[in-house]
Amino acid sequence: MAMGAFLVGKRPVALMEGSGIGMSALILARGIVQKTPTMLIIGHNSTLGERYDYHGATRLVAEPVLRALDIPYHVLFDPGDIRKVIVEAQATIEGQRLPFGILVPSHVIREIGESR
């Protein structure tokens, strides 16, 4: 996980799908205890627009794990808010020295891809 980047002066970011949060729960818990700030950008989650049944497991774990570990998060519904959300999330991450999750619904990912 990207948390080790903080130890060498970097701003850690982990980009993953929702199941990655479930698979990383123990690492995230250790990061909380050790006050290791990390931005988590999470796709395939329980937000709107998940079309496929094989994403079912990812929908089940992302938000519940974040809530269970008391990791704050924000659902990014509007692609126009990306810059503001990243800046504010980073301020929270650095100020409180904790992980912060940004959940990115499928429609936002598609809109970003179409705009390039």
PDB file of N, CA and C in Angstrom:
ATOM      1  N   MET A   1       0.842  -1.187   0.000  1.00  0.00           N
ATOM      2  CA  MET A   1       0.000   0.000   0.000  1.00  0.00           C
ATOM      3  C   MET A   1       0.880   1.241   0.000  1.00  0.00           C
ATOM      4  N   ALA A   2       0.324   2.336  -0.407  1.00  0.00           N
ATOM      5  CA  ALA A   2       1.063   3.582  -0.597  1.00  0.00           C
ATOM      6  C   ALA A   2       1.453   4.268   0.703  1.00  0.00           C
ATOM      7  N   MET A   3       1.025   3.775   1.839  1.00  0.00           N
ATOM      8  CA  MET A   3       1.269   4.470   3.099  1.00  0.00           C
ATOM      9  C   MET A   3       2.747   4.673   3.391  1.00  0.00           C
ATOM     10  N   GLY A   4       3.595   3.780   2.940  1.00  0.00           N
ATOM     11  CA  GLY A   4       5.027   3.912   3.178  1.00  0.00           C
ATOM     12  C   GLY A   4       5.611   5.159   2.548  1.00  0.00           C
ATOM     13  N   ALA A   5       4.971   5.694   1.525  1.00  0.00           N
ATOM     14  CA  ALA A   5       5.458   6.913   0.870  1.00  0.00           C
ATOM     15  C   ALA A   5       5.532   8.074   1.858  1.00  0.00           C
ATOM     16  N   PHE A   6       4.634   8.107   2.806  1.00  0.00           N
ATOM     17  CA  PHE A   6       4.630   9.181   3.814  1.00  0.00           C
ATOM     18  C   PHE A   6       5.928   9.190   4.616  1.00  0.00           C
ATOM     19  N   LEU A   7       6.472   8.015   4.866  1.00  0.00           N
ATOM     20  CA  LEU A   7       7.683   7.907   5.674  1.00  0.00           C
ATOM     21  C   LEU A   7       8.893   8.538   5.000  1.00  0.00           C
ATOM     22  N   VAL A   8       8.820   8.732   3.669  1.00  0.00           N
ATOM     23  CA  VAL A   8       9.933   9.368   2.948  1.00  0.00           C
ATOM     24  C   VAL A   8       9.524  10.743   2.415  1.00  0.00           C
ATOM     25  N   GLY A   9       8.495  11.348   3.035  1.00  0.00           N
ATOM     26  CA  GLY A   9       8.129  12.713   2.717  1.00  0.00           C
ATOM     27  C   GLY A   9       7.185  12.916   1.543  1.00  0.00           C
ATOM     28  N   LYS A  10       6.572  11.864   1.051  1.00  0.00           N
ATOM     29  CA  LYS A  10       5.638  11.968  -0.074  1.00  0.00           C
ATOM     30  C   LYS A  10       4.198  12.052   0.435  1.00  0.00           C
ATOM     31  N   ARG A  11       3.278  12.386  -0.463  1.00  0.00           N
ATOM     32  CA  ARG A  11       1.847  12.396  -0.154  1.00  0.00           C
ATOM     33  C   ARG A  11       1.242  11.116  -0.722  1.00  0.00           C
ATOM     34  N   PRO A  12       0.980  10.132   0.125  1.00  0.00           N
ATOM     35  CA  PRO A  12       0.506   8.839  -0.364  1.00  0.00           C
ATOM     36  C   PRO A  12      -0.911   8.903  -0.945  1.00  0.00           C
ATOM     37  N   VAL A  13      -1.096   8.209  -2.066  1.00  0.00           N
ATOM     38  CA  VAL A  13      -2.405   8.041  -2.703  1.00  0.00           C
ATOM     39  C   VAL A  13      -2.529   6.581  -3.095  1.00  0.00           C
ATOM     40  N   ALA A  14      -3.653   5.971  -2.759  1.00  0.00           N
ATOM     41  CA  ALA A  14      -3.944   4.604  -3.178  1.00  0.00           C
ATOM     42  C   ALA A  14      -5.177   4.649  -4.068  1.00  0.00           C
ATOM     43  N   LEU A  15      -5.044   4.169  -5.294  1.00  0.00           N
ATOM     44  CA  LEU A  15      -6.127   4.126  -6.267  1.00  0.00           C
ATOM     45  C   LEU A  15      -6.575   2.673  -6.376  1.00  0.00           C
ATOM     46  N   MET A  16      -7.861   2.414  -6.078  1.00  0.00           N
ATOM     47  CA  MET A  16      -8.321   1.026  -6.037  1.00  0.00           C
ATOM     48  C   MET A  16      -9.822   0.939  -6.280  1.00  0.00           C
ATOM     49  N   GLU A  17     -10.285  -0.269  -6.507  1.00  0.00           N
ATOM     50  CA  GLU A  17     -11.734  -0.481  -6.547  1.00  0.00           C
ATOM     51  C   GLU A  17     -12.201  -0.792  -5.132  1.00  0.00           C
ATOM     52  N   GLY A  18     -13.503  -0.841  -4.940  1.00  0.00           N
ATOM     53  CA  GLY A  18     -14.076  -1.034  -3.617  1.00  0.00           C
ATOM     54  C   GLY A  18     -13.575  -2.261  -2.889  1.00  0.00           C
ATOM     55  N   SER A  19     -13.333  -3.349  -3.608  1.00  0.00           N
ATOM     56  CA  SER A  19     -12.860  -4.557  -2.935  1.00  0.00           C
ATOM     57  C   SER A  19     -11.463  -4.356  -2.362  1.00  0.00           C
ATOM     58  N   GLY A  20     -10.703  -3.418  -2.923  1.00  0.00           N
ATOM     59  CA  GLY A  20      -9.376  -3.131  -2.390  1.00  0.00           C
ATOM     60  C   GLY A  20      -9.434  -2.640  -0.960  1.00  0.00           C
ATOM     61  N   ILE A  21     -10.487  -1.908  -0.622  1.00  0.00           N
ATOM     62  CA  ILE A  21     -10.655  -1.453   0.757  1.00  0.00           C
ATOM     63  C   ILE A  21     -10.863  -2.647   1.671  1.00  0.00           C
ATOM     64  N   GLY A  22     -11.702  -3.576   1.246  1.00  0.00           N
ATOM     65  CA  GLY A  22     -11.931  -4.776   2.050  1.00  0.00           C
ATOM     66  C   GLY A  22     -10.661  -5.580   2.250  1.00  0.00           C
ATOM     67  N   MET A  23      -9.876  -5.693   1.184  1.00  0.00           N
ATOM     68  CA  MET A  23      -8.634  -6.451   1.266  1.00  0.00           C
ATOM     69  C   MET A  23      -7.565  -5.706   2.077  1.00  0.00           C
ATOM     70  N   SER A  24      -7.710  -4.411   2.225  1.00  0.00           N
ATOM     71  CA  SER A  24      -6.700  -3.587   2.899  1.00  0.00           C
ATOM     72  C   SER A  24      -7.097  -3.138   4.295  1.00  0.00           C
ATOM     73  N   ALA A  25      -8.156  -3.668   4.844  1.00  0.00           N
ATOM     74  CA  ALA A  25      -8.673  -3.182   6.126  1.00  0.00           C
ATOM     75  C   ALA A  25      -7.619  -3.226   7.238  1.00  0.00           C
ATOM     76  N   LEU A  26      -6.873  -4.284   7.329  1.00  0.00           N
ATOM     77  CA  LEU A  26      -5.861  -4.389   8.379  1.00  0.00           C
ATOM     78  C   LEU A  26      -4.741  -3.370   8.167  1.00  0.00           C
ATOM     79  N   ILE A  27      -4.323  -3.177   6.924  1.00  0.00           N
ATOM     80  CA  ILE A  27      -3.287  -2.185   6.623  1.00  0.00           C
ATOM     81  C   ILE A  27      -3.800  -0.783   6.953  1.00  0.00           C
ATOM     82  N   LEU A  28      -5.064  -0.511   6.592  1.00  0.00           N
ATOM     83  CA  LEU A  28      -5.651   0.793   6.902  1.00  0.00           C
ATOM     84  C   LEU A  28      -5.716   1.017   8.411  1.00  0.00           C
ATOM     85  N   ALA A  29      -6.094  -0.005   9.160  1.00  0.00           N
ATOM     86  CA  ALA A  29      -6.165   0.115  10.614  1.00  0.00           C
ATOM     87  C   ALA A  29      -4.784   0.445  11.186  1.00  0.00           C
ATOM     88  N   ARG A  30      -3.769  -0.214  10.677  1.00  0.00           N
ATOM     89  CA  ARG A  30      -2.410   0.073  11.145  1.00  0.00           C
ATOM     90  C   ARG A  30      -2.024   1.515  10.811  1.00  0.00           C
ATOM     91  N   GLY A  31      -2.422   1.985   9.621  1.00  0.00           N
ATOM     92  CA  GLY A  31      -2.151   3.363   9.230  1.00  0.00           C
ATOM     93  C   GLY A  31      -2.837   4.370  10.138  1.00  0.00           C
ATOM     94  N   ILE A  32      -4.024   4.034  10.603  1.00  0.00           N
ATOM     95  CA  ILE A  32      -4.745   4.908  11.533  1.00  0.00           C
ATOM     96  C   ILE A  32      -3.996   4.974  12.858  1.00  0.00           C
ATOM     97  N   VAL A  33      -3.617   3.820  13.377  1.00  0.00           N
ATOM     98  CA  VAL A  33      -2.906   3.751  14.658  1.00  0.00           C
ATOM     99  C   VAL A  33      -1.571   4.492  14.570  1.00  0.00           C
ATOM    100  N   GLN A  34      -0.901   4.362  13.438  1.00  0.00           N
ATOM    101  CA  GLN A  34       0.407   4.997  13.270  1.00  0.00           C
ATOM    102  C   GLN A  34       0.311   6.418  12.723  1.00  0.00           C
ATOM    103  N   LYS A  35      -0.926   6.913  12.543  1.00  0.00           N
ATOM    104  CA  LYS A  35      -1.159   8.274  12.047  1.00  0.00           C
ATOM    105  C   LYS A  35      -0.466   8.516  10.708  1.00  0.00           C
ATOM    106  N   THR A  36      -0.707   7.609   9.775  1.00  0.00           N
ATOM    107  CA  THR A  36      -0.126   7.699   8.440  1.00  0.00           C
ATOM    108  C   THR A  36      -1.178   8.228   7.468  1.00  0.00           C
ATOM    109  N   PRO A  37      -1.073   9.483   7.054  1.00  0.00           N
ATOM    110  CA  PRO A  37      -2.080  10.082   6.180  1.00  0.00           C
ATOM    111  C   PRO A  37      -2.013   9.503   4.766  1.00  0.00           C
ATOM    112  N   THR A  38      -3.169   9.130   4.225  1.00  0.00           N
ATOM    113  CA  THR A  38      -3.232   8.545   2.891  1.00  0.00           C
ATOM    114  C   THR A  38      -4.549   8.910   2.225  1.00  0.00           C
ATOM    115  N   MET A  39      -4.480   9.342   0.960  1.00  0.00           N
ATOM    116  CA  MET A  39      -5.691   9.577   0.187  1.00  0.00           C
ATOM    117  C   MET A  39      -6.067   8.273  -0.512  1.00  0.00           C
ATOM    118  N   LEU A  40      -7.318   7.880  -0.367  1.00  0.00           N
ATOM    119  CA  LEU A  40      -7.835   6.667  -0.990  1.00  0.00           C
ATOM    120  C   LEU A  40      -8.835   7.069  -2.075  1.00  0.00           C
ATOM    121  N   ILE A  41      -8.570   6.731  -3.302  1.00  0.00           N
ATOM    122  CA  ILE A  41      -9.494   7.011  -4.399  1.00  0.00           C
ATOM    123  C   ILE A  41     -10.073   5.674  -4.821  1.00  0.00           C
ATOM    124  N   ILE A  42     -11.412   5.550  -4.667  1.00  0.00           N
ATOM    125  CA  ILE A  42     -12.060   4.240  -4.727  1.00  0.00           C
ATOM    126  C   ILE A  42     -13.160   4.212  -5.781  1.00  0.00           C
ATOM    127  N   GLY A  43     -13.028   3.323  -6.749  1.00  0.00           N
ATOM    128  CA  GLY A  43     -14.069   3.095  -7.740  1.00  0.00           C
ATOM    129  C   GLY A  43     -14.809   1.805  -7.424  1.00  0.00           C
ATOM    130  N   HIS A  44     -15.812   1.481  -8.210  1.00  0.00           N
ATOM    131  CA  HIS A  44     -16.640   0.280  -8.012  1.00  0.00           C
ATOM    132  C   HIS A  44     -17.075   0.151  -6.558  1.00  0.00           C
ATOM    133  N   ASN A  45     -18.000   1.017  -6.190  1.00  0.00           N
ATOM    134  CA  ASN A  45     -18.463   1.045  -4.818  1.00  0.00           C
ATOM    135  C   ASN A  45     -19.983   1.059  -4.794  1.00  0.00           C
ATOM    136  N   SER A  46     -20.560   1.331  -3.659  1.00  0.00           N
ATOM    137  CA  SER A  46     -22.022   1.205  -3.528  1.00  0.00           C
ATOM    138  C   SER A  46     -22.776   2.432  -4.024  1.00  0.00           C
ATOM    139  N   THR A  47     -22.103   3.342  -4.686  1.00  0.00           N
ATOM    140  CA  THR A  47     -22.776   4.513  -5.222  1.00  0.00           C
ATOM    141  C   THR A  47     -23.522   4.158  -6.507  1.00  0.00           C
ATOM    142  N   LEU A  48     -24.110   5.136  -7.127  1.00  0.00           N
ATOM    143  CA  LEU A  48     -24.916   4.916  -8.331  1.00  0.00           C
ATOM    144  C   LEU A  48     -24.098   4.403  -9.508  1.00  0.00           C
ATOM    145  N   GLY A  49     -24.751   3.649 -10.374  1.00  0.00           N
ATOM    146  CA  GLY A  49     -24.191   3.324 -11.671  1.00  0.00           C
ATOM    147  C   GLY A  49     -23.404   2.046 -11.798  1.00  0.00           C
ATOM    148  N   GLU A  50     -23.355   1.225 -10.784  1.00  0.00           N
ATOM    149  CA  GLU A  50     -22.659  -0.053 -10.931  1.00  0.00           C
ATOM    150  C   GLU A  50     -23.568  -1.003 -11.702  1.00  0.00           C
ATOM    151  N   ARG A  51     -23.170  -1.350 -12.904  1.00  0.00           N
ATOM    152  CA  ARG A  51     -24.031  -2.094 -13.830  1.00  0.00           C
ATOM    153  C   ARG A  51     -23.923  -3.610 -13.730  1.00  0.00           C
ATOM    154  N   TYR A  52     -22.822  -4.112 -13.271  1.00  0.00           N
ATOM    155  CA  TYR A  52     -22.555  -5.547 -13.410  1.00  0.00           C
ATOM    156  C   TYR A  52     -22.623  -6.282 -12.074  1.00  0.00           C
ATOM    157  N   ASP A  53     -23.203  -7.465 -12.116  1.00  0.00           N
ATOM    158  CA  ASP A  53     -23.346  -8.254 -10.893  1.00  0.00           C
ATOM    159  C   ASP A  53     -21.997  -8.676 -10.311  1.00  0.00           C
ATOM    160  N   TYR A  54     -20.974  -8.816 -11.149  1.00  0.00           N
ATOM    161  CA  TYR A  54     -19.675  -9.230 -10.632  1.00  0.00           C
ATOM    162  C   TYR A  54     -18.979  -8.130  -9.835  1.00  0.00           C
ATOM    163  N   HIS A  55     -19.560  -6.941  -9.813  1.00  0.00           N
ATOM    164  CA  HIS A  55     -19.068  -5.897  -8.921  1.00  0.00           C
ATOM    165  C   HIS A  55     -19.792  -5.935  -7.578  1.00  0.00           C
ATOM    166  N   GLY A  56     -20.630  -6.936  -7.381  1.00  0.00           N
ATOM    167  CA  GLY A  56     -21.422  -7.046  -6.157  1.00  0.00           C
ATOM    168  C   GLY A  56     -20.584  -7.062  -4.901  1.00  0.00           C
ATOM    169  N   ALA A  57     -19.492  -7.816  -4.907  1.00  0.00           N
ATOM    170  CA  ALA A  57     -18.639  -7.898  -3.715  1.00  0.00           C
ATOM    171  C   ALA A  57     -18.009  -6.554  -3.409  1.00  0.00           C
ATOM    172  N   THR A  58     -17.610  -5.835  -4.460  1.00  0.00           N
ATOM    173  CA  THR A  58     -16.984  -4.533  -4.218  1.00  0.00           C
ATOM    174  C   THR A  58     -17.983  -3.559  -3.627  1.00  0.00           C
ATOM    175  N   ARG A  59     -19.246  -3.667  -4.031  1.00  0.00           N
ATOM    176  CA  ARG A  59     -20.273  -2.776  -3.487  1.00  0.00           C
ATOM    177  C   ARG A  59     -20.516  -3.056  -2.011  1.00  0.00           C
ATOM    178  N   LEU A  60     -20.286  -4.268  -1.584  1.00  0.00           N
ATOM    179  CA  LEU A  60     -20.567  -4.638  -0.195  1.00  0.00           C
ATOM    180  C   LEU A  60     -19.529  -4.152   0.804  1.00  0.00           C
ATOM    181  N   VAL A  61     -18.305  -3.872   0.372  1.00  0.00           N
ATOM    182  CA  VAL A  61     -17.248  -3.663   1.362  1.00  0.00           C
ATOM    183  C   VAL A  61     -16.742  -2.240   1.528  1.00  0.00           C
ATOM    184  N   ALA A  62     -16.745  -1.433   0.504  1.00  0.00           N
ATOM    185  CA  ALA A  62     -16.051  -0.138   0.571  1.00  0.00           C
ATOM    186  C   ALA A  62     -16.555   0.749   1.708  1.00  0.00           C
ATOM    187  N   GLU A  63     -17.791   1.190   1.639  1.00  0.00           N
ATOM    188  CA  GLU A  63     -18.297   2.104   2.666  1.00  0.00           C
ATOM    189  C   GLU A  63     -18.385   1.467   4.047  1.00  0.00           C
ATOM    190  N   PRO A  64     -18.843   0.222   4.171  1.00  0.00           N
ATOM    191  CA  PRO A  64     -18.874  -0.371   5.519  1.00  0.00           C
ATOM    192  C   PRO A  64     -17.493  -0.448   6.189  1.00  0.00           C
ATOM    193  N   VAL A  65     -16.451  -0.749   5.416  1.00  0.00           N
ATOM    194  CA  VAL A  65     -15.110  -0.809   6.003  1.00  0.00           C
ATOM    195  C   VAL A  65     -14.645   0.591   6.395  1.00  0.00           C
ATOM    196  N   LEU A  66     -14.893   1.575   5.540  1.00  0.00           N
ATOM    197  CA  LEU A  66     -14.523   2.950   5.889  1.00  0.00           C
ATOM    198  C   LEU A  66     -15.240   3.386   7.163  1.00  0.00           C
ATOM    199  N   ARG A  67     -16.533   3.082   7.264  1.00  0.00           N
ATOM    200  CA  ARG A  67     -17.288   3.447   8.471  1.00  0.00           C
ATOM    201  C   ARG A  67     -16.772   2.695   9.692  1.00  0.00           C
ATOM    202  N   ALA A  68     -16.506   1.404   9.540  1.00  0.00           N
ATOM    203  CA  ALA A  68     -16.043   0.594  10.672  1.00  0.00           C
ATOM    204  C   ALA A  68     -14.705   1.107  11.215  1.00  0.00           C
ATOM    205  N   LEU A  69     -13.848   1.587  10.334  1.00  0.00           N
ATOM    206  CA  LEU A  69     -12.550   2.106  10.752  1.00  0.00           C
ATOM    207  C   LEU A  69     -12.589   3.601  11.063  1.00  0.00           C
ATOM    208  N   ASP A  70     -13.771   4.178  10.956  1.00  0.00           N
ATOM    209  CA  ASP A  70     -13.967   5.609  11.209  1.00  0.00           C
ATOM    210  C   ASP A  70     -13.081   6.468  10.303  1.00  0.00           C
ATOM    211  N   ILE A  71     -12.960   6.038   9.046  1.00  0.00           N
ATOM    212  CA  ILE A  71     -12.211   6.790   8.041  1.00  0.00           C
ATOM    213  C   ILE A  71     -13.200   7.705   7.332  1.00  0.00           C
ATOM    214  N   PRO A  72     -12.981   9.009   7.382  1.00  0.00           N
ATOM    215  CA  PRO A  72     -13.905   9.916   6.693  1.00  0.00           C
ATOM    216  C   PRO A  72     -13.811   9.712   5.180  1.00  0.00           C
ATOM    217  N   TYR A  73     -14.932   9.977   4.498  1.00  0.00           N
ATOM    218  CA  TYR A  73     -14.933   9.836   3.042  1.00  0.00           C
ATOM    219  C   TYR A  73     -15.959  10.767   2.427  1.00  0.00           C
ATOM    220  N   HIS A  74     -15.821  10.947   1.126  1.00  0.00           N
ATOM    221  CA  HIS A  74     -16.718  11.807   0.362  1.00  0.00           C
ATOM    222  C   HIS A  74     -17.054  11.077  -0.938  1.00  0.00           C
ATOM    223  N   VAL A  75     -18.322  11.125  -1.338  1.00  0.00           N
ATOM    224  CA  VAL A  75     -18.726  10.562  -2.624  1.00  0.00           C
ATOM    225  C   VAL A  75     -18.700  11.691  -3.646  1.00  0.00           C
ATOM    226  N   LEU A  76     -17.909  11.527  -4.687  1.00  0.00           N
ATOM    227  CA  LEU A  76     -17.736  12.536  -5.722  1.00  0.00           C
ATOM    228  C   LEU A  76     -18.789  12.337  -6.814  1.00  0.00           C
ATOM    229  N   PHE A  77     -19.892  13.057  -6.719  1.00  0.00           N
ATOM    230  CA  PHE A  77     -20.966  12.908  -7.699  1.00  0.00           C
ATOM    231  C   PHE A  77     -20.792  13.796  -8.926  1.00  0.00           C
ATOM    232  N   ASP A  78     -20.074  14.916  -8.776  1.00  0.00           N
ATOM    233  CA  ASP A  78     -19.937  15.872  -9.864  1.00  0.00           C
ATOM    234  C   ASP A  78     -18.464  15.982 -10.261  1.00  0.00           C
ATOM    235  N   PRO A  79     -18.123  15.606 -11.505  1.00  0.00           N
ATOM    236  CA  PRO A  79     -16.724  15.694 -11.936  1.00  0.00           C
ATOM    237  C   PRO A  79     -16.153  17.107 -11.808  1.00  0.00           C
ATOM    238  N   GLY A  80     -17.011  18.115 -11.860  1.00  0.00           N
ATOM    239  CA  GLY A  80     -16.563  19.492 -11.716  1.00  0.00           C
ATOM    240  C   GLY A  80     -16.031  19.810 -10.324  1.00  0.00           C
ATOM    241  N   ASP A  81     -16.312  18.948  -9.364  1.00  0.00           N
ATOM    242  CA  ASP A  81     -15.863  19.163  -7.984  1.00  0.00           C
ATOM    243  C   ASP A  81     -14.535  18.485  -7.665  1.00  0.00           C
ATOM    244  N   ILE A  82     -13.942  17.822  -8.650  1.00  0.00           N
ATOM    245  CA  ILE A  82     -12.733  17.028  -8.381  1.00  0.00           C
ATOM    246  C   ILE A  82     -11.648  17.854  -7.699  1.00  0.00           C
ATOM    247  N   ARG A  83     -11.308  18.984  -8.279  1.00  0.00           N
ATOM    248  CA  ARG A  83     -10.211  19.795  -7.733  1.00  0.00           C
ATOM    249  C   ARG A  83     -10.495  20.208  -6.291  1.00  0.00           C
ATOM    250  N   LYS A  84     -11.707  20.706  -6.039  1.00  0.00           N
ATOM    251  CA  LYS A  84     -12.062  21.166  -4.697  1.00  0.00           C
ATOM    252  C   LYS A  84     -12.023  20.007  -3.698  1.00  0.00           C
ATOM    253  N   VAL A  85     -12.568  18.867  -4.083  1.00  0.00           N
ATOM    254  CA  VAL A  85     -12.596  17.707  -3.185  1.00  0.00           C
ATOM    255  C   VAL A  85     -11.183  17.217  -2.878  1.00  0.00           C
ATOM    256  N   ILE A  86     -10.324  17.153  -3.885  1.00  0.00           N
ATOM    257  CA  ILE A  86      -8.941  16.708  -3.667  1.00  0.00           C
ATOM    258  C   ILE A  86      -8.216  17.668  -2.720  1.00  0.00           C
ATOM    259  N   VAL A  87      -8.353  18.960  -2.956  1.00  0.00           N
ATOM    260  CA  VAL A  87      -7.674  19.958  -2.114  1.00  0.00           C
ATOM    261  C   VAL A  87      -8.172  19.870  -0.668  1.00  0.00           C
ATOM    262  N   GLU A  88      -9.481  19.803  -0.493  1.00  0.00           N
ATOM    263  CA  GLU A  88     -10.036  19.753   0.867  1.00  0.00           C
ATOM    264  C   GLU A  88      -9.715  18.422   1.543  1.00  0.00           C
ATOM    265  N   ALA A  89      -9.767  17.329   0.789  1.00  0.00           N
ATOM    266  CA  ALA A  89      -9.409  16.026   1.361  1.00  0.00           C
ATOM    267  C   ALA A  89      -7.951  16.029   1.800  1.00  0.00           C
ATOM    268  N   GLN A  90      -7.075  16.595   0.973  1.00  0.00           N
ATOM    269  CA  GLN A  90      -5.654  16.642   1.324  1.00  0.00           C
ATOM    270  C   GLN A  90      -5.422  17.476   2.578  1.00  0.00           C
ATOM    271  N   ALA A  91      -6.168  18.566   2.728  1.00  0.00           N
ATOM    272  CA  ALA A  91      -6.057  19.381   3.942  1.00  0.00           C
ATOM    273  C   ALA A  91      -6.459  18.566   5.168  1.00  0.00           C
ATOM    274  N   THR A  92      -7.525  17.780   5.043  1.00  0.00           N
ATOM    275  CA  THR A  92      -7.968  16.924   6.143  1.00  0.00           C
ATOM    276  C   THR A  92      -6.936  15.852   6.441  1.00  0.00           C
ATOM    277  N   ILE A  93      -6.429  15.233   5.390  1.00  0.00           N
ATOM    278  CA  ILE A  93      -5.435  14.164   5.538  1.00  0.00           C
ATOM    279  C   ILE A  93      -4.191  14.668   6.268  1.00  0.00           C
ATOM    280  N   GLU A  94      -3.675  15.792   5.801  1.00  0.00           N
ATOM    281  CA  GLU A  94      -2.442  16.318   6.395  1.00  0.00           C
ATOM    282  C   GLU A  94      -2.678  16.912   7.781  1.00  0.00           C
ATOM    283  N   GLY A  95      -3.809  17.586   7.960  1.00  0.00           N
ATOM    284  CA  GLY A  95      -4.097  18.209   9.249  1.00  0.00           C
ATOM    285  C   GLY A  95      -4.385  17.208  10.347  1.00  0.00           C
ATOM    286  N   GLN A  96      -5.099  16.143   9.993  1.00  0.00           N
ATOM    287  CA  GLN A  96      -5.490  15.162  11.004  1.00  0.00           C
ATOM    288  C   GLN A  96      -4.637  13.900  10.976  1.00  0.00           C
ATOM    289  N   ARG A  97      -3.762  13.797   9.975  1.00  0.00           N
ATOM    290  CA  ARG A  97      -2.891  12.620   9.798  1.00  0.00           C
ATOM    291  C   ARG A  97      -3.675  11.323   9.853  1.00  0.00           C
ATOM    292  N   LEU A  98      -4.586  11.199   8.894  1.00  0.00           N
ATOM    293  CA  LEU A  98      -5.403   9.995   8.786  1.00  0.00           C
ATOM    294  C   LEU A  98      -5.724   9.715   7.325  1.00  0.00           C
ATOM    295  N   PRO A  99      -6.171   8.502   7.029  1.00  0.00           N
ATOM    296  CA  PRO A  99      -6.634   8.213   5.672  1.00  0.00           C
ATOM    297  C   PRO A  99      -7.958   8.932   5.405  1.00  0.00           C
ATOM    298  N   PHE A 100      -8.225   9.218   4.145  1.00  0.00           N
ATOM    299  CA  PHE A 100      -9.479   9.832   3.721  1.00  0.00           C
ATOM    300  C   PHE A 100      -9.849   9.192   2.397  1.00  0.00           C
ATOM    301  N   GLY A 101     -11.117   8.769   2.266  1.00  0.00           N
ATOM    302  CA  GLY A 101     -11.562   8.106   1.049  1.00  0.00           C
ATOM    303  C   GLY A 101     -12.382   9.014   0.148  1.00  0.00           C
ATOM    304  N   ILE A 102     -12.124   8.942  -1.135  1.00  0.00           N
ATOM    305  CA  ILE A 102     -12.954   9.606  -2.132  1.00  0.00           C
ATOM    306  C   ILE A 102     -13.554   8.508  -2.992  1.00  0.00           C
ATOM    307  N   LEU A 103     -14.878   8.344  -2.878  1.00  0.00           N
ATOM    308  CA  LEU A 103     -15.575   7.327  -3.657  1.00  0.00           C
ATOM    309  C   LEU A 103     -15.985   7.933  -4.990  1.00  0.00           C
ATOM    310  N   VAL A 104     -15.611   7.268  -6.072  1.00  0.00           N
ATOM    311  CA  VAL A 104     -15.858   7.794  -7.413  1.00  0.00           C
ATOM    312  C   VAL A 104     -16.825   6.862  -8.140  1.00  0.00           C
ATOM    313  N   PRO A 105     -18.092   7.294  -8.297  1.00  0.00           N
ATOM    314  CA  PRO A 105     -19.073   6.472  -8.996  1.00  0.00           C
ATOM    315  C   PRO A 105     -18.704   6.271 -10.467  1.00  0.00           C
ATOM    316  N   SER A 106     -19.246   5.230 -11.057  1.00  0.00           N
ATOM    317  CA  SER A 106     -18.963   4.892 -12.450  1.00  0.00           C
ATOM    318  C   SER A 106     -19.277   6.022 -13.412  1.00  0.00           C
ATOM    319  N   HIS A 107     -20.388   6.743 -13.184  1.00  0.00           N
ATOM    320  CA  HIS A 107     -20.740   7.806 -14.131  1.00  0.00           C
ATOM    321  C   HIS A 107     -19.696   8.925 -14.126  1.00  0.00           C
ATOM    322  N   VAL A 108     -19.074   9.168 -12.995  1.00  0.00           N
ATOM    323  CA  VAL A 108     -18.033  10.197 -12.927  1.00  0.00           C
ATOM    324  C   VAL A 108     -16.800   9.730 -13.690  1.00  0.00           C
ATOM    325  N   ILE A 109     -16.440   8.468 -13.516  1.00  0.00           N
ATOM    326  CA  ILE A 109     -15.296   7.909 -14.240  1.00  0.00           C
ATOM    327  C   ILE A 109     -15.544   7.994 -15.744  1.00  0.00           C
ATOM    328  N   ARG A 110     -16.756   7.639 -16.172  1.00  0.00           N
ATOM    329  CA  ARG A 110     -17.090   7.711 -17.610  1.00  0.00           C
ATOM    330  C   ARG A 110     -17.025   9.148 -18.117  1.00  0.00           C
ATOM    331  N   GLU A 111     -17.572  10.092 -17.353  1.00  0.00           N
ATOM    332  CA  GLU A 111     -17.570  11.506 -17.781  1.00  0.00           C
ATOM    333  C   GLU A 111     -16.138  12.040 -17.893  1.00  0.00           C
ATOM    334  N   ILE A 112     -15.289  11.661 -16.981  1.00  0.00           N
ATOM    335  CA  ILE A 112     -13.894  12.098 -17.031  1.00  0.00           C
ATOM    336  C   ILE A 112     -13.238  11.528 -18.289  1.00  0.00           C
ATOM    337  N   GLY A 113     -13.474  10.247 -18.544  1.00  0.00           N
ATOM    338  CA  GLY A 113     -12.906   9.604 -19.732  1.00  0.00           C
ATOM    339  C   GLY A 113     -13.386  10.213 -21.027  1.00  0.00           C
ATOM    340  N   GLU A 114     -14.670  10.583 -21.082  1.00  0.00           N
ATOM    341  CA  GLU A 114     -15.229  11.164 -22.294  1.00  0.00           C
ATOM    342  C   GLU A 114     -14.722  12.579 -22.533  1.00  0.00           C
ATOM    343  N   SER A 115     -14.344  13.286 -21.486  1.00  0.00           N
ATOM    344  CA  SER A 115     -13.901  14.670 -21.635  1.00  0.00           C
ATOM    345  C   SER A 115     -12.449  14.787 -22.104  1.00  0.00           C
ATOM    346  N   ARG A 116     -11.735  13.684 -22.147  1.00  0.00           N
ATOM    347  CA  ARG A 116     -10.300  13.717 -22.542  1.00  0.00           C
ATOM    348  C   ARG A 116     -10.144  13.598 -24.023  1.00  0.00           C
TER     349      ARG A 116
END
